C-alpha atoms as a PDB file:
ATOM      1  CA  MET A   1      87.496-154.189 -32.866  1.00  0.00           C
ATOM      2  CA  PRO A   2      89.634-157.151 -31.776  1.00  0.00           C
ATOM      3  CA  THR A   3      89.442-157.863 -28.054  1.00  0.00           C
ATOM      4  CA  GLU A   4      93.197-157.496 -27.590  1.00  0.00           C
ATOM      5  CA  ARG A   5      93.239-154.035 -29.185  1.00  0.00           C
ATOM      6  CA  ARG A   6      90.159-152.971 -27.212  1.00  0.00           C
ATOM      7  CA  GLU A   7      91.771-154.014 -23.931  1.00  0.00           C
ATOM      8  CA  GLN A   8      94.950-152.165 -24.889  1.00  0.00           C
ATOM      9  CA  MET A   9      93.013-148.964 -25.610  1.00  0.00           C
ATOM     10  CA  LEU A  10      91.145-149.212 -22.317  1.00  0.00           C
ATOM     11  CA  ALA A  11      94.396-149.803 -20.410  1.00  0.00           C
ATOM     12  CA  GLU A  12      96.190-146.885 -22.084  1.00  0.00           C
ATOM     13  CA  HIS A  13      93.397-144.307 -22.194  1.00  0.00           C
ATOM     14  CA  GLY A  14      90.785-145.486 -19.718  1.00  0.00           C
ATOM     15  CA  PRO A  15      87.113-145.936 -20.420  1.00  0.00           C
ATOM     16  CA  ALA A  16      84.806-143.388 -21.978  1.00  0.00           C
ATOM     17  CA  ARG A  17      81.186-143.061 -20.928  1.00  0.00           C
ATOM     18  CA  LEU A  18      78.071-142.628 -23.027  1.00  0.00           C
ATOM     19  CA  GLU A  19      75.925-139.821 -21.634  1.00  0.00           C
ATOM     20  CA  VAL A  20      72.375-139.261 -22.797  1.00  0.00           C
ATOM     21  CA  SER A  21      70.579-136.099 -21.751  1.00  0.00           C
ATOM     22  CA  SER A  22      67.299-137.009 -23.415  1.00  0.00           C
ATOM     23  CA  PRO A  23      64.335-137.757 -21.156  1.00  0.00           C
ATOM     24  CA  PRO A  24      63.681-141.384 -20.176  1.00  0.00           C
ATOM     25  CA  THR A  25      60.568-141.262 -22.354  1.00  0.00           C
ATOM     26  CA  GLN A  26      62.918-141.752 -25.304  1.00  0.00           C
ATOM     27  CA  SER A  27      64.162-145.074 -23.944  1.00  0.00           C
ATOM     28  CA  VAL A  28      62.426-146.977 -26.760  1.00  0.00           C
ATOM     29  CA  ALA A  29      64.346-144.980 -29.371  1.00  0.00           C
ATOM     30  CA  ILE A  30      67.578-145.512 -27.435  1.00  0.00           C
ATOM     31  CA  MET A  31      66.906-149.263 -27.249  1.00  0.00           C
ATOM     32  CA  ARG A  32      66.282-149.327 -31.004  1.00  0.00           C
ATOM     33  CA  VAL A  33      69.714-147.802 -31.662  1.00  0.00           C
ATOM     34  CA  LEU A  34      71.431-150.108 -29.149  1.00  0.00           C
ATOM     35  CA  ARG A  35      69.801-153.187 -30.667  1.00  0.00           C
ATOM     36  CA  SER A  36      70.779-152.126 -34.158  1.00  0.00           C
ATOM     37  CA  GLU A  37      74.363-151.134 -33.361  1.00  0.00           C
ATOM     38  CA  LEU A  38      75.257-153.771 -30.761  1.00  0.00           C
ATOM     39  CA  GLY A  39      73.213-156.686 -32.039  1.00  0.00           C
ATOM     40  CA  VAL A  40      71.557-157.362 -28.687  1.00  0.00           C
ATOM     41  CA  ASP A  41      68.099-158.789 -28.124  1.00  0.00           C
ATOM     42  CA  LEU A  42      65.242-156.901 -26.516  1.00  0.00           C
ATOM     43  CA  ALA A  43      66.079-158.078 -22.978  1.00  0.00           C
ATOM     44  CA  GLY A  44      69.714-157.060 -23.430  1.00  0.00           C
ATOM     45  CA  ALA A  45      68.682-153.673 -24.803  1.00  0.00           C
ATOM     46  CA  LYS A  46      66.483-153.056 -21.750  1.00  0.00           C
ATOM     47  CA  VAL A  47      69.438-153.715 -19.462  1.00  0.00           C
ATOM     48  CA  LEU A  48      71.715-151.506 -21.540  1.00  0.00           C
ATOM     49  CA  VAL A  49      69.277-148.594 -21.738  1.00  0.00           C
ATOM     50  CA  ARG A  50      69.092-148.515 -17.937  1.00  0.00           C
ATOM     51  CA  ARG A  51      72.893-148.445 -17.769  1.00  0.00           C
ATOM     52  CA  VAL A  52      73.034-145.667 -20.385  1.00  0.00           C
ATOM     53  CA  LEU A  53      70.397-143.556 -18.622  1.00  0.00           C
ATOM     54  CA  ASN A  54      72.182-144.053 -15.278  1.00  0.00           C
ATOM     55  CA  GLY A  55      75.515-142.960 -16.818  1.00  0.00           C
ATOM     56  CA  ASP A  56      76.964-146.412 -16.198  1.00  0.00           C
ATOM     57  CA  TYR A  57      77.654-147.570 -19.778  1.00  0.00           C
ATOM     58  CA  SER A  58      81.281-147.334 -20.866  1.00  0.00           C
ATOM     59  CA  GLY A  59      83.791-148.616 -23.387  1.00  0.00           C
ATOM     60  CA  THR A  60      86.520-147.231 -25.603  1.00  0.00           C
ATOM     61  CA  LEU A  61      86.168-143.643 -26.797  1.00  0.00           C
ATOM     62  CA  PRO A  62      85.620-144.704 -30.442  1.00  0.00           C
ATOM     63  CA  GLU A  63      82.887-147.154 -29.371  1.00  0.00           C
ATOM     64  CA  MET A  64      81.077-144.568 -27.289  1.00  0.00           C
ATOM     65  CA  GLU A  65      81.455-141.846 -29.922  1.00  0.00           C
ATOM     66  CA  ARG A  66      80.002-144.151 -32.600  1.00  0.00           C
ATOM     67  CA  LEU A  67      76.965-144.863 -30.405  1.00  0.00           C
ATOM     68  CA  ALA A  68      76.588-141.176 -29.536  1.00  0.00           C
ATOM     69  CA  ARG A  69      76.577-140.267 -33.243  1.00  0.00           C
ATOM     70  CA  LYS A  70      73.944-142.896 -34.017  1.00  0.00           C
ATOM     71  CA  LEU A  71      71.812-141.679 -31.114  1.00  0.00           C
ATOM     72  CA  ARG A  72      72.128-138.042 -32.234  1.00  0.00           C
ATOM     73  CA  ALA A  73      71.130-139.080 -35.758  1.00  0.00           C
ATOM     74  CA  SER A  74      67.966-140.510 -34.177  1.00  0.00           C
ATOM     75  CA  GLY A  75      67.215-137.219 -32.434  1.00  0.00           C
ATOM     76  CA  ILE A  76      68.594-138.200 -29.029  1.00  0.00           C
ATOM     77  CA  SER A  77      71.027-135.867 -27.269  1.00  0.00           C
ATOM     78  CA  ALA A  78      74.126-137.973 -26.528  1.00  0.00           C
ATOM     79  CA  VAL A  79      77.875-137.469 -26.037  1.00  0.00           C
ATOM     80  CA  ALA A  80      80.902-139.610 -25.342  1.00  0.00           C
ATOM     81  CA  THR A  81      82.923-138.370 -22.376  1.00  0.00           C
ATOM     82  CA  ARG A  82      85.877-139.398 -20.301  1.00  0.00           C
ATOM     83  CA  PRO A  83      85.501-139.246 -16.510  1.00  0.00           C
END
């Protein structure tokens, strides 16, 4: 999504959060999905998985819903929510 449109969506609707209710033992599977979907390296995925597990990873609702769907397809319980 273009940066300008993303910023507009965040300004109009606020951020959505990715919530994962799977145990931390599934962090490797979560990192695999994050690396695949976001194109981050292993170090970046480790940082992101901590943010996800802490409930501190956010973005636009479509971004978070896409990640939640990919995580669910991998057997990980995940939802996109708005605070």
